[in-house]
Amino acid sequence: MSVRRVVPNFQVASVEASRDFYGLLGFEEVMNHGWIMTVASPSVPNAQVSLYAGEDKTAPVAPDVSVEVDDVDAVYASVRESGAEIVHPLQDEEWGVRRFFVRDPSGRVVNVLSHR
């Protein structure tokens, strides 16, 4: 298993205002699903921040961080075997990812995903 990228997820009062603020730091909008937006550095595309103003579209909680891996099914099996708390089960999402949420030892929720 290899990690492809790690993206912090920030709950914000206004996605648009936050996009504009991160634009001042050199970020540009690269994804917008209406309920979540990702901004990235044009020169380092994997340097990203996701911004959401409400709830996660399909999960019971919003994650603190997203970790993209090359094989989410293998990671899910390892996490389940470890006994860690699965917060949102493994599933395919309509926007093209397969993901699950797990709680880390400090209580943070981690969105583990692979693009399909």
PDB file of N, CA and C in Angstrom:
ATOM      1  N   MET A   1       0.844  -1.169   0.000  1.00  0.00           N
ATOM      2  CA  MET A   1       0.000   0.000   0.000  1.00  0.00           C
ATOM      3  C   MET A   1       0.887   1.229   0.000  1.00  0.00           C
ATOM      4  N   SER A   2       0.495   2.210  -0.801  1.00  0.00           N
ATOM      5  CA  SER A   2       1.244   3.466  -0.775  1.00  0.00           C
ATOM      6  C   SER A   2       0.277   4.641  -0.685  1.00  0.00           C
ATOM      7  N   VAL A   3       0.740   5.685  -0.023  1.00  0.00           N
ATOM      8  CA  VAL A   3      -0.030   6.910   0.131  1.00  0.00           C
ATOM      9  C   VAL A   3       0.253   7.784  -1.083  1.00  0.00           C
ATOM     10  N   ARG A   4      -0.810   8.300  -1.694  1.00  0.00           N
ATOM     11  CA  ARG A   4      -0.662   9.164  -2.862  1.00  0.00           C
ATOM     12  C   ARG A   4      -0.688  10.644  -2.488  1.00  0.00           C
ATOM     13  N   ARG A   5      -1.508  11.011  -1.500  1.00  0.00           N
ATOM     14  CA  ARG A   5      -1.568  12.400  -1.037  1.00  0.00           C
ATOM     15  C   ARG A   5      -2.322  12.454   0.279  1.00  0.00           C
ATOM     16  N   VAL A   6      -2.108  13.535   1.004  1.00  0.00           N
ATOM     17  CA  VAL A   6      -2.797  13.803   2.262  1.00  0.00           C
ATOM     18  C   VAL A   6      -3.345  15.222   2.163  1.00  0.00           C
ATOM     19  N   VAL A   7      -4.647  15.375   2.469  1.00  0.00           N
ATOM     20  CA  VAL A   7      -5.305  16.667   2.317  1.00  0.00           C
ATOM     21  C   VAL A   7      -6.041  17.010   3.608  1.00  0.00           C
ATOM     22  N   PRO A   8      -5.691  18.133   4.257  1.00  0.00           N
ATOM     23  CA  PRO A   8      -6.475  18.551   5.418  1.00  0.00           C
ATOM     24  C   PRO A   8      -7.857  19.022   4.958  1.00  0.00           C
ATOM     25  N   ASN A   9      -8.875  18.754   5.779  1.00  0.00           N
ATOM     26  CA  ASN A   9     -10.247  19.157   5.498  1.00  0.00           C
ATOM     27  C   ASN A   9     -10.650  20.180   6.555  1.00  0.00           C
ATOM     28  N   PHE A  10     -10.953  21.389   6.117  1.00  0.00           N
ATOM     29  CA  PHE A  10     -11.314  22.466   7.036  1.00  0.00           C
ATOM     30  C   PHE A  10     -12.797  22.773   6.931  1.00  0.00           C
ATOM     31  N   GLN A  11     -13.486  22.739   8.067  1.00  0.00           N
ATOM     32  CA  GLN A  11     -14.858  23.218   8.101  1.00  0.00           C
ATOM     33  C   GLN A  11     -14.786  24.736   8.168  1.00  0.00           C
ATOM     34  N   VAL A  12     -15.513  25.407   7.281  1.00  0.00           N
ATOM     35  CA  VAL A  12     -15.425  26.861   7.151  1.00  0.00           C
ATOM     36  C   VAL A  12     -16.822  27.474   7.169  1.00  0.00           C
ATOM     37  N   ALA A  13     -16.882  28.769   7.475  1.00  0.00           N
ATOM     38  CA  ALA A  13     -18.165  29.474   7.466  1.00  0.00           C
ATOM     39  C   ALA A  13     -18.635  29.720   6.034  1.00  0.00           C
ATOM     40  N   SER A  14     -17.714  30.005   5.136  1.00  0.00           N
ATOM     41  CA  SER A  14     -18.037  30.267   3.732  1.00  0.00           C
ATOM     42  C   SER A  14     -16.966  29.654   2.848  1.00  0.00           C
ATOM     43  N   VAL A  15     -17.368  28.716   1.998  1.00  0.00           N
ATOM     44  CA  VAL A  15     -16.422  28.083   1.081  1.00  0.00           C
ATOM     45  C   VAL A  15     -15.824  29.125   0.135  1.00  0.00           C
ATOM     46  N   GLU A  16     -16.660  30.007  -0.382  1.00  0.00           N
ATOM     47  CA  GLU A  16     -16.178  31.007  -1.334  1.00  0.00           C
ATOM     48  C   GLU A  16     -15.190  31.979  -0.687  1.00  0.00           C
ATOM     49  N   ALA A  17     -15.504  32.466   0.513  1.00  0.00           N
ATOM     50  CA  ALA A  17     -14.590  33.371   1.210  1.00  0.00           C
ATOM     51  C   ALA A  17     -13.272  32.666   1.520  1.00  0.00           C
ATOM     52  N   SER A  18     -13.337  31.399   1.897  1.00  0.00           N
ATOM     53  CA  SER A  18     -12.116  30.645   2.189  1.00  0.00           C
ATOM     54  C   SER A  18     -11.314  30.404   0.920  1.00  0.00           C
ATOM     55  N   ARG A  19     -12.005  30.098  -0.191  1.00  0.00           N
ATOM     56  CA  ARG A  19     -11.303  29.944  -1.474  1.00  0.00           C
ATOM     57  C   ARG A  19     -10.567  31.231  -1.816  1.00  0.00           C
ATOM     58  N   ASP A  20     -11.242  32.366  -1.639  1.00  0.00           N
ATOM     59  CA  ASP A  20     -10.606  33.647  -1.944  1.00  0.00           C
ATOM     60  C   ASP A  20      -9.397  33.895  -1.045  1.00  0.00           C
ATOM     61  N   PHE A  21      -9.518  33.553   0.246  1.00  0.00           N
ATOM     62  CA  PHE A  21      -8.396  33.723   1.165  1.00  0.00           C
ATOM     63  C   PHE A  21      -7.214  32.854   0.743  1.00  0.00           C
ATOM     64  N   TYR A  22      -7.460  31.560   0.491  1.00  0.00           N
ATOM     65  CA  TYR A  22      -6.359  30.677   0.101  1.00  0.00           C
ATOM     66  C   TYR A  22      -5.796  31.053  -1.268  1.00  0.00           C
ATOM     67  N   GLY A  23      -6.607  31.746  -2.082  1.00  0.00           N
ATOM     68  CA  GLY A  23      -6.101  32.293  -3.337  1.00  0.00           C
ATOM     69  C   GLY A  23      -5.006  33.318  -3.104  1.00  0.00           C
ATOM     70  N   LEU A  24      -5.121  34.070  -2.013  1.00  0.00           N
ATOM     71  CA  LEU A  24      -4.074  35.032  -1.658  1.00  0.00           C
ATOM     72  C   LEU A  24      -2.742  34.342  -1.379  1.00  0.00           C
ATOM     73  N   LEU A  25      -2.821  33.059  -0.974  1.00  0.00           N
ATOM     74  CA  LEU A  25      -1.604  32.288  -0.678  1.00  0.00           C
ATOM     75  C   LEU A  25      -1.113  31.514  -1.894  1.00  0.00           C
ATOM     76  N   GLY A  26      -1.810  31.653  -3.022  1.00  0.00           N
ATOM     77  CA  GLY A  26      -1.375  31.002  -4.258  1.00  0.00           C
ATOM     78  C   GLY A  26      -2.156  29.763  -4.638  1.00  0.00           C
ATOM     79  N   PHE A  27      -3.200  29.416  -3.881  1.00  0.00           N
ATOM     80  CA  PHE A  27      -4.014  28.248  -4.208  1.00  0.00           C
ATOM     81  C   PHE A  27      -5.063  28.600  -5.257  1.00  0.00           C
ATOM     82  N   GLU A  28      -5.454  27.605  -6.058  1.00  0.00           N
ATOM     83  CA  GLU A  28      -6.514  27.745  -7.046  1.00  0.00           C
ATOM     84  C   GLU A  28      -7.528  26.625  -6.854  1.00  0.00           C
ATOM     85  N   GLU A  29      -8.787  26.913  -7.143  1.00  0.00           N
ATOM     86  CA  GLU A  29      -9.842  25.902  -7.046  1.00  0.00           C
ATOM     87  C   GLU A  29      -9.594  24.804  -8.080  1.00  0.00           C
ATOM     88  N   VAL A  30      -9.588  23.543  -7.622  1.00  0.00           N
ATOM     89  CA  VAL A  30      -9.389  22.420  -8.534  1.00  0.00           C
ATOM     90  C   VAL A  30     -10.559  21.437  -8.510  1.00  0.00           C
ATOM     91  N   MET A  31     -11.429  21.521  -7.503  1.00  0.00           N
ATOM     92  CA  MET A  31     -12.596  20.655  -7.424  1.00  0.00           C
ATOM     93  C   MET A  31     -13.667  21.391  -6.638  1.00  0.00           C
ATOM     94  N   ASN A  32     -14.925  21.271  -7.110  1.00  0.00           N
ATOM     95  CA  ASN A  32     -16.027  21.888  -6.391  1.00  0.00           C
ATOM     96  C   ASN A  32     -17.277  21.040  -6.602  1.00  0.00           C
ATOM     97  N   HIS A  33     -17.729  20.372  -5.527  1.00  0.00           N
ATOM     98  CA  HIS A  33     -18.942  19.562  -5.586  1.00  0.00           C
ATOM     99  C   HIS A  33     -20.120  20.290  -4.952  1.00  0.00           C
ATOM    100  N   GLY A  34     -19.959  21.559  -4.665  1.00  0.00           N
ATOM    101  CA  GLY A  34     -21.017  22.320  -4.030  1.00  0.00           C
ATOM    102  C   GLY A  34     -20.931  22.267  -2.512  1.00  0.00           C
ATOM    103  N   TRP A  35     -20.764  21.098  -1.948  1.00  0.00           N
ATOM    104  CA  TRP A  35     -20.674  20.938  -0.493  1.00  0.00           C
ATOM    105  C   TRP A  35     -19.228  20.836  -0.019  1.00  0.00           C
ATOM    106  N   ILE A  36     -18.311  20.580  -0.944  1.00  0.00           N
ATOM    107  CA  ILE A  36     -16.877  20.539  -0.624  1.00  0.00           C
ATOM    108  C   ILE A  36     -16.107  21.077  -1.834  1.00  0.00           C
ATOM    109  N   MET A  37     -15.069  21.839  -1.536  1.00  0.00           N
ATOM    110  CA  MET A  37     -14.209  22.404  -2.570  1.00  0.00           C
ATOM    111  C   MET A  37     -12.763  22.103  -2.188  1.00  0.00           C
ATOM    112  N   THR A  38     -11.947  21.823  -3.185  1.00  0.00           N
ATOM    113  CA  THR A  38     -10.514  21.633  -2.944  1.00  0.00           C
ATOM    114  C   THR A  38      -9.753  22.700  -3.710  1.00  0.00           C
ATOM    115  N   VAL A  39      -8.787  23.297  -3.015  1.00  0.00           N
ATOM    116  CA  VAL A  39      -7.877  24.250  -3.639  1.00  0.00           C
ATOM    117  C   VAL A  39      -6.487  23.633  -3.614  1.00  0.00           C
ATOM    118  N   ALA A  40      -5.690  23.964  -4.642  1.00  0.00           N
ATOM    119  CA  ALA A  40      -4.356  23.371  -4.766  1.00  0.00           C
ATOM    120  C   ALA A  40      -3.372  24.398  -5.283  1.00  0.00           C
ATOM    121  N   SER A  41      -2.117  24.123  -5.029  1.00  0.00           N
ATOM    122  CA  SER A  41      -1.032  24.944  -5.568  1.00  0.00           C
ATOM    123  C   SER A  41      -0.828  24.572  -7.035  1.00  0.00           C
ATOM    124  N   PRO A  42      -0.838  25.545  -7.939  1.00  0.00           N
ATOM    125  CA  PRO A  42      -0.589  25.230  -9.348  1.00  0.00           C
ATOM    126  C   PRO A  42       0.806  24.653  -9.588  1.00  0.00           C
ATOM    127  N   SER A  43       1.778  25.056  -8.773  1.00  0.00           N
ATOM    128  CA  SER A  43       3.145  24.581  -8.980  1.00  0.00           C
ATOM    129  C   SER A  43       3.425  23.243  -8.292  1.00  0.00           C
ATOM    130  N   VAL A  44       2.645  22.921  -7.261  1.00  0.00           N
ATOM    131  CA  VAL A  44       2.780  21.647  -6.545  1.00  0.00           C
ATOM    132  C   VAL A  44       1.362  21.093  -6.367  1.00  0.00           C
ATOM    133  N   PRO A  45       0.792  20.453  -7.398  1.00  0.00           N
ATOM    134  CA  PRO A  45      -0.622  20.078  -7.389  1.00  0.00           C
ATOM    135  C   PRO A  45      -1.076  19.213  -6.211  1.00  0.00           C
ATOM    136  N   ASN A  46      -0.183  18.462  -5.605  1.00  0.00           N
ATOM    137  CA  ASN A  46      -0.576  17.646  -4.442  1.00  0.00           C
ATOM    138  C   ASN A  46      -0.616  18.443  -3.142  1.00  0.00           C
ATOM    139  N   ALA A  47      -0.217  19.708  -3.171  1.00  0.00           N
ATOM    140  CA  ALA A  47      -0.359  20.584  -2.005  1.00  0.00           C
ATOM    141  C   ALA A  47      -1.775  21.142  -2.055  1.00  0.00           C
ATOM    142  N   GLN A  48      -2.665  20.564  -1.233  1.00  0.00           N
ATOM    143  CA  GLN A  48      -4.095  20.848  -1.319  1.00  0.00           C
ATOM    144  C   GLN A  48      -4.706  21.077   0.054  1.00  0.00           C
ATOM    145  N   VAL A  49      -5.844  21.770   0.055  1.00  0.00           N
ATOM    146  CA  VAL A  49      -6.690  21.947   1.232  1.00  0.00           C
ATOM    147  C   VAL A  49      -8.130  21.788   0.747  1.00  0.00           C
ATOM    148  N   SER A  50      -8.934  21.012   1.470  1.00  0.00           N
ATOM    149  CA  SER A  50     -10.353  20.902   1.149  1.00  0.00           C
ATOM    150  C   SER A  50     -11.147  21.736   2.147  1.00  0.00           C
ATOM    151  N   LEU A  51     -12.189  22.379   1.639  1.00  0.00           N
ATOM    152  CA  LEU A  51     -13.006  23.310   2.415  1.00  0.00           C
ATOM    153  C   LEU A  51     -14.460  22.864   2.336  1.00  0.00           C
ATOM    154  N   TYR A  52     -15.132  22.764   3.470  1.00  0.00           N
ATOM    155  CA  TYR A  52     -16.558  22.419   3.455  1.00  0.00           C
ATOM    156  C   TYR A  52     -17.275  23.282   4.485  1.00  0.00           C
ATOM    157  N   ALA A  53     -18.515  23.664   4.136  1.00  0.00           N
ATOM    158  CA  ALA A  53     -19.266  24.573   4.993  1.00  0.00           C
ATOM    159  C   ALA A  53     -20.388  23.877   5.752  1.00  0.00           C
ATOM    160  N   GLY A  54     -20.619  22.632   5.493  1.00  0.00           N
ATOM    161  CA  GLY A  54     -21.708  21.926   6.162  1.00  0.00           C
ATOM    162  C   GLY A  54     -21.305  20.517   6.511  1.00  0.00           C
ATOM    163  N   GLU A  55     -22.190  19.610   6.260  1.00  0.00           N
ATOM    164  CA  GLU A  55     -21.972  18.197   6.547  1.00  0.00           C
ATOM    165  C   GLU A  55     -21.350  17.496   5.347  1.00  0.00           C
ATOM    166  N   ASP A  56     -20.722  16.351   5.596  1.00  0.00           N
ATOM    167  CA  ASP A  56     -20.295  15.483   4.516  1.00  0.00           C
ATOM    168  C   ASP A  56     -21.554  14.968   3.819  1.00  0.00           C
ATOM    169  N   LYS A  57     -21.515  14.811   2.524  1.00  0.00           N
ATOM    170  CA  LYS A  57     -22.720  14.463   1.761  1.00  0.00           C
ATOM    171  C   LYS A  57     -23.293  13.101   2.131  1.00  0.00           C
ATOM    172  N   THR A  58     -22.453  12.100   2.391  1.00  0.00           N
ATOM    173  CA  THR A  58     -22.975  10.747   2.622  1.00  0.00           C
ATOM    174  C   THR A  58     -22.549  10.125   3.945  1.00  0.00           C
ATOM    175  N   ALA A  59     -21.725  10.803   4.704  1.00  0.00           N
ATOM    176  CA  ALA A  59     -21.203  10.216   5.940  1.00  0.00           C
ATOM    177  C   ALA A  59     -21.801  10.913   7.158  1.00  0.00           C
ATOM    178  N   PRO A  60     -21.767  10.238   8.317  1.00  0.00           N
ATOM    179  CA  PRO A  60     -22.375  10.811   9.521  1.00  0.00           C
ATOM    180  C   PRO A  60     -21.570  11.944  10.157  1.00  0.00           C
ATOM    181  N   VAL A  61     -20.315  12.067   9.801  1.00  0.00           N
ATOM    182  CA  VAL A  61     -19.445  13.129  10.322  1.00  0.00           C
ATOM    183  C   VAL A  61     -18.567  13.639   9.186  1.00  0.00           C
ATOM    184  N   ALA A  62     -18.002  14.813   9.380  1.00  0.00           N
ATOM    185  CA  ALA A  62     -17.046  15.347   8.406  1.00  0.00           C
ATOM    186  C   ALA A  62     -15.639  14.967   8.850  1.00  0.00           C
ATOM    187  N   PRO A  63     -14.803  14.501   7.935  1.00  0.00           N
ATOM    188  CA  PRO A  63     -13.454  14.087   8.311  1.00  0.00           C
ATOM    189  C   PRO A  63     -12.524  15.272   8.541  1.00  0.00           C
ATOM    190  N   ASP A  64     -11.502  15.031   9.339  1.00  0.00           N
ATOM    191  CA  ASP A  64     -10.479  16.044   9.606  1.00  0.00           C
ATOM    192  C   ASP A  64      -9.399  16.065   8.534  1.00  0.00           C
ATOM    193  N   VAL A  65      -9.153  14.909   7.922  1.00  0.00           N
ATOM    194  CA  VAL A  65      -8.097  14.778   6.932  1.00  0.00           C
ATOM    195  C   VAL A  65      -8.482  13.666   5.964  1.00  0.00           C
ATOM    196  N   SER A  66      -8.031  13.805   4.724  1.00  0.00           N
ATOM    197  CA  SER A  66      -8.233  12.758   3.719  1.00  0.00           C
ATOM    198  C   SER A  66      -6.876  12.198   3.330  1.00  0.00           C
ATOM    199  N   VAL A  67      -6.806  10.875   3.233  1.00  0.00           N
ATOM    200  CA  VAL A  67      -5.582  10.191   2.825  1.00  0.00           C
ATOM    201  C   VAL A  67      -5.922   9.338   1.611  1.00  0.00           C
ATOM    202  N   GLU A  68      -5.354   9.702   0.465  1.00  0.00           N
ATOM    203  CA  GLU A  68      -5.563   8.913  -0.746  1.00  0.00           C
ATOM    204  C   GLU A  68      -4.501   7.818  -0.806  1.00  0.00           C
ATOM    205  N   VAL A  69      -4.949   6.590  -0.991  1.00  0.00           N
ATOM    206  CA  VAL A  69      -4.056   5.431  -1.067  1.00  0.00           C
ATOM    207  C   VAL A  69      -4.259   4.731  -2.404  1.00  0.00           C
ATOM    208  N   ASP A  70      -3.326   3.864  -2.755  1.00  0.00           N
ATOM    209  CA  ASP A  70      -3.451   3.163  -4.026  1.00  0.00           C
ATOM    210  C   ASP A  70      -4.414   1.980  -3.962  1.00  0.00           C
ATOM    211  N   ASP A  71      -4.683   1.427  -2.764  1.00  0.00           N
ATOM    212  CA  ASP A  71      -5.562   0.264  -2.628  1.00  0.00           C
ATOM    213  C   ASP A  71      -6.405   0.404  -1.358  1.00  0.00           C
ATOM    214  N   VAL A  72      -7.536   1.102  -1.463  1.00  0.00           N
ATOM    215  CA  VAL A  72      -8.369   1.358  -0.288  1.00  0.00           C
ATOM    216  C   VAL A  72      -8.934   0.066   0.296  1.00  0.00           C
ATOM    217  N   ASP A  73      -9.187  -0.939  -0.525  1.00  0.00           N
ATOM    218  CA  ASP A  73      -9.721  -2.200  -0.004  1.00  0.00           C
ATOM    219  C   ASP A  73      -8.725  -2.896   0.920  1.00  0.00           C
ATOM    220  N   ALA A  74      -7.451  -2.883   0.543  1.00  0.00           N
ATOM    221  CA  ALA A  74      -6.423  -3.492   1.385  1.00  0.00           C
ATOM    222  C   ALA A  74      -6.268  -2.728   2.691  1.00  0.00           C
ATOM    223  N   VAL A  75      -6.310  -1.402   2.627  1.00  0.00           N
ATOM    224  CA  VAL A  75      -6.195  -0.590   3.841  1.00  0.00           C
ATOM    225  C   VAL A  75      -7.399  -0.836   4.748  1.00  0.00           C
ATOM    226  N   TYR A  76      -8.577  -0.904   4.166  1.00  0.00           N
ATOM    227  CA  TYR A  76      -9.791  -1.160   4.940  1.00  0.00           C
ATOM    228  C   TYR A  76      -9.672  -2.491   5.682  1.00  0.00           C
ATOM    229  N   ALA A  77      -9.190  -3.529   5.008  1.00  0.00           N
ATOM    230  CA  ALA A  77      -9.023  -4.835   5.647  1.00  0.00           C
ATOM    231  C   ALA A  77      -8.040  -4.744   6.819  1.00  0.00           C
ATOM    232  N   SER A  78      -6.942  -4.032   6.634  1.00  0.00           N
ATOM    233  CA  SER A  78      -5.946  -3.887   7.705  1.00  0.00           C
ATOM    234  C   SER A  78      -6.512  -3.110   8.892  1.00  0.00           C
ATOM    235  N   VAL A  79      -7.248  -2.042   8.602  1.00  0.00           N
ATOM    236  CA  VAL A  79      -7.819  -1.217   9.668  1.00  0.00           C
ATOM    237  C   VAL A  79      -8.856  -2.009  10.450  1.00  0.00           C
ATOM    238  N   ARG A  80      -9.725  -2.729   9.750  1.00  0.00           N
ATOM    239  CA  ARG A  80     -10.736  -3.550  10.435  1.00  0.00           C
ATOM    240  C   ARG A  80     -10.070  -4.596  11.327  1.00  0.00           C
ATOM    241  N   GLU A  81      -9.033  -5.246  10.792  1.00  0.00           N
ATOM    242  CA  GLU A  81      -8.318  -6.269  11.555  1.00  0.00           C
ATOM    243  C   GLU A  81      -7.669  -5.687  12.803  1.00  0.00           C
ATOM    244  N   SER A  82      -7.263  -4.422  12.748  1.00  0.00           N
ATOM    245  CA  SER A  82      -6.604  -3.787  13.889  1.00  0.00           C
ATOM    246  C   SER A  82      -7.583  -3.478  15.024  1.00  0.00           C
ATOM    247  N   GLY A  83      -8.885  -3.427  14.698  1.00  0.00           N
ATOM    248  CA  GLY A  83      -9.882  -3.093  15.705  1.00  0.00           C
ATOM    249  C   GLY A  83     -10.163  -1.607  15.829  1.00  0.00           C
ATOM    250  N   ALA A  84      -9.552  -0.778  14.960  1.00  0.00           N
ATOM    251  CA  ALA A  84      -9.813   0.659  14.993  1.00  0.00           C
ATOM    252  C   ALA A  84     -11.287   0.910  14.670  1.00  0.00           C
ATOM    253  N   GLU A  85     -11.806   2.029  15.169  1.00  0.00           N
ATOM    254  CA  GLU A  85     -13.218   2.353  14.976  1.00  0.00           C
ATOM    255  C   GLU A  85     -13.488   2.836  13.552  1.00  0.00           C
ATOM    256  N   ILE A  86     -14.300   2.074  12.836  1.00  0.00           N
ATOM    257  CA  ILE A  86     -14.757   2.481  11.513  1.00  0.00           C
ATOM    258  C   ILE A  86     -15.947   3.420  11.731  1.00  0.00           C
ATOM    259  N   VAL A  87     -15.834   4.648  11.272  1.00  0.00           N
ATOM    260  CA  VAL A  87     -16.864   5.665  11.471  1.00  0.00           C
ATOM    261  C   VAL A  87     -17.860   5.657  10.313  1.00  0.00           C
ATOM    262  N   HIS A  88     -17.384   5.325   9.123  1.00  0.00           N
ATOM    263  CA  HIS A  88     -18.200   5.293   7.897  1.00  0.00           C
ATOM    264  C   HIS A  88     -17.697   4.105   7.084  1.00  0.00           C
ATOM    265  N   PRO A  89     -18.571   3.169   6.723  1.00  0.00           N
ATOM    266  CA  PRO A  89     -18.109   1.948   6.060  1.00  0.00           C
ATOM    267  C   PRO A  89     -17.581   2.198   4.644  1.00  0.00           C
ATOM    268  N   LEU A  90     -16.814   1.251   4.169  1.00  0.00           N
ATOM    269  CA  LEU A  90     -16.267   1.306   2.816  1.00  0.00           C
ATOM    270  C   LEU A  90     -17.404   1.320   1.804  1.00  0.00           C
ATOM    271  N   GLN A  91     -17.367   2.304   0.912  1.00  0.00           N
ATOM    272  CA  GLN A  91     -18.397   2.366  -0.130  1.00  0.00           C
ATOM    273  C   GLN A  91     -17.914   3.198  -1.305  1.00  0.00           C
ATOM    274  N   ASP A  92     -18.537   2.955  -2.449  1.00  0.00           N
ATOM    275  CA  ASP A  92     -18.288   3.745  -3.648  1.00  0.00           C
ATOM    276  C   ASP A  92     -19.183   4.977  -3.606  1.00  0.00           C
ATOM    277  N   GLU A  93     -18.597   6.131  -3.904  1.00  0.00           N
ATOM    278  CA  GLU A  93     -19.348   7.380  -3.909  1.00  0.00           C
ATOM    279  C   GLU A  93     -19.602   7.824  -5.344  1.00  0.00           C
ATOM    280  N   GLU A  94     -20.695   8.554  -5.543  1.00  0.00           N
ATOM    281  CA  GLU A  94     -21.111   8.970  -6.880  1.00  0.00           C
ATOM    282  C   GLU A  94     -20.105   9.895  -7.560  1.00  0.00           C
ATOM    283  N   TRP A  95     -19.207  10.520  -6.797  1.00  0.00           N
ATOM    284  CA  TRP A  95     -18.234  11.445  -7.385  1.00  0.00           C
ATOM    285  C   TRP A  95     -16.914  10.766  -7.734  1.00  0.00           C
ATOM    286  N   GLY A  96     -16.905   9.421  -7.747  1.00  0.00           N
ATOM    287  CA  GLY A  96     -15.767   8.701  -8.310  1.00  0.00           C
ATOM    288  C   GLY A  96     -14.701   8.210  -7.350  1.00  0.00           C
ATOM    289  N   VAL A  97     -15.009   8.187  -6.055  1.00  0.00           N
ATOM    290  CA  VAL A  97     -14.048   7.639  -5.106  1.00  0.00           C
ATOM    291  C   VAL A  97     -14.663   6.452  -4.371  1.00  0.00           C
ATOM    292  N   ARG A  98     -13.817   5.607  -3.865  1.00  0.00           N
ATOM    293  CA  ARG A  98     -14.186   4.526  -2.954  1.00  0.00           C
ATOM    294  C   ARG A  98     -13.525   4.904  -1.644  1.00  0.00           C
ATOM    295  N   ARG A  99     -14.295   4.944  -0.529  1.00  0.00           N
ATOM    296  CA  ARG A  99     -13.730   5.473   0.705  1.00  0.00           C
ATOM    297  C   ARG A  99     -14.375   4.874   1.937  1.00  0.00           C
ATOM    298  N   PHE A 100     -13.676   5.089   3.061  1.00  0.00           N
ATOM    299  CA  PHE A 100     -14.211   4.805   4.392  1.00  0.00           C
ATOM    300  C   PHE A 100     -13.600   5.805   5.347  1.00  0.00           C
ATOM    301  N   PHE A 101     -14.226   5.955   6.529  1.00  0.00           N
ATOM    302  CA  PHE A 101     -13.695   6.832   7.575  1.00  0.00           C
ATOM    303  C   PHE A 101     -13.307   5.971   8.763  1.00  0.00           C
ATOM    304  N   VAL A 102     -12.187   6.322   9.379  1.00  0.00           N
ATOM    305  CA  VAL A 102     -11.714   5.648  10.584  1.00  0.00           C
ATOM    306  C   VAL A 102     -11.301   6.716  11.594  1.00  0.00           C
ATOM    307  N   ARG A 103     -11.486   6.421  12.878  1.00  0.00           N
ATOM    308  CA  ARG A 103     -11.089   7.360  13.930  1.00  0.00           C
ATOM    309  C   ARG A 103      -9.677   7.010  14.385  1.00  0.00           C
ATOM    310  N   ASP A 104      -8.794   8.017  14.440  1.00  0.00           N
ATOM    311  CA  ASP A 104      -7.426   7.775  14.902  1.00  0.00           C
ATOM    312  C   ASP A 104      -7.401   7.761  16.433  1.00  0.00           C
ATOM    313  N   PRO A 105      -6.278   7.376  17.055  1.00  0.00           N
ATOM    314  CA  PRO A 105      -6.225   7.269  18.516  1.00  0.00           C
ATOM    315  C   PRO A 105      -6.509   8.572  19.261  1.00  0.00           C
ATOM    316  N   SER A 106      -6.371   9.722  18.588  1.00  0.00           N
ATOM    317  CA  SER A 106      -6.653  11.004  19.229  1.00  0.00           C
ATOM    318  C   SER A 106      -8.075  11.496  18.980  1.00  0.00           C
ATOM    319  N   GLY A 107      -8.852  10.714  18.250  1.00  0.00           N
ATOM    320  CA  GLY A 107     -10.242  11.071  17.990  1.00  0.00           C
ATOM    321  C   GLY A 107     -10.503  11.748  16.664  1.00  0.00           C
ATOM    322  N   ARG A 108      -9.459  12.010  15.896  1.00  0.00           N
ATOM    323  CA  ARG A 108      -9.645  12.637  14.589  1.00  0.00           C
ATOM    324  C   ARG A 108     -10.214  11.620  13.601  1.00  0.00           C
ATOM    325  N   VAL A 109     -11.046  12.110  12.694  1.00  0.00           N
ATOM    326  CA  VAL A 109     -11.652  11.240  11.688  1.00  0.00           C
ATOM    327  C   VAL A 109     -10.853  11.351  10.384  1.00  0.00           C
ATOM    328  N   VAL A 110     -10.425  10.199   9.881  1.00  0.00           N
ATOM    329  CA  VAL A 110      -9.598  10.120   8.689  1.00  0.00           C
ATOM    330  C   VAL A 110     -10.429   9.498   7.567  1.00  0.00           C
ATOM    331  N   ASN A 111     -10.527  10.214   6.457  1.00  0.00           N
ATOM    332  CA  ASN A 111     -11.184   9.738   5.244  1.00  0.00           C
ATOM    333  C   ASN A 111     -10.109   9.049   4.416  1.00  0.00           C
ATOM    334  N   VAL A 112     -10.229   7.736   4.239  1.00  0.00           N
ATOM    335  CA  VAL A 112      -9.252   6.970   3.460  1.00  0.00           C
ATOM    336  C   VAL A 112      -9.932   6.637   2.130  1.00  0.00           C
ATOM    337  N   LEU A 113      -9.265   6.986   1.019  1.00  0.00           N
ATOM    338  CA  LEU A 113      -9.921   6.845  -0.268  1.00  0.00           C
ATOM    339  C   LEU A 113      -8.982   6.446  -1.376  1.00  0.00           C
ATOM    340  N   SER A 114      -9.583   5.929  -2.445  1.00  0.00           N
ATOM    341  CA  SER A 114      -8.913   5.716  -3.725  1.00  0.00           C
ATOM    342  C   SER A 114      -9.871   6.209  -4.797  1.00  0.00           C
ATOM    343  N   HIS A 115      -9.317   6.776  -5.852  1.00  0.00           N
ATOM    344  CA  HIS A 115     -10.150   7.127  -6.994  1.00  0.00           C
ATOM    345  C   HIS A 115     -10.406   5.866  -7.814  1.00  0.00           C
ATOM    346  N   ARG A 116     -11.623   5.744  -8.307  1.00  0.00           N
ATOM    347  CA  ARG A 116     -11.961   4.575  -9.124  1.00  0.00           C
ATOM    348  C   ARG A 116     -11.561   4.799 -10.554  1.00  0.00           C
TER     349      ARG A 116
END
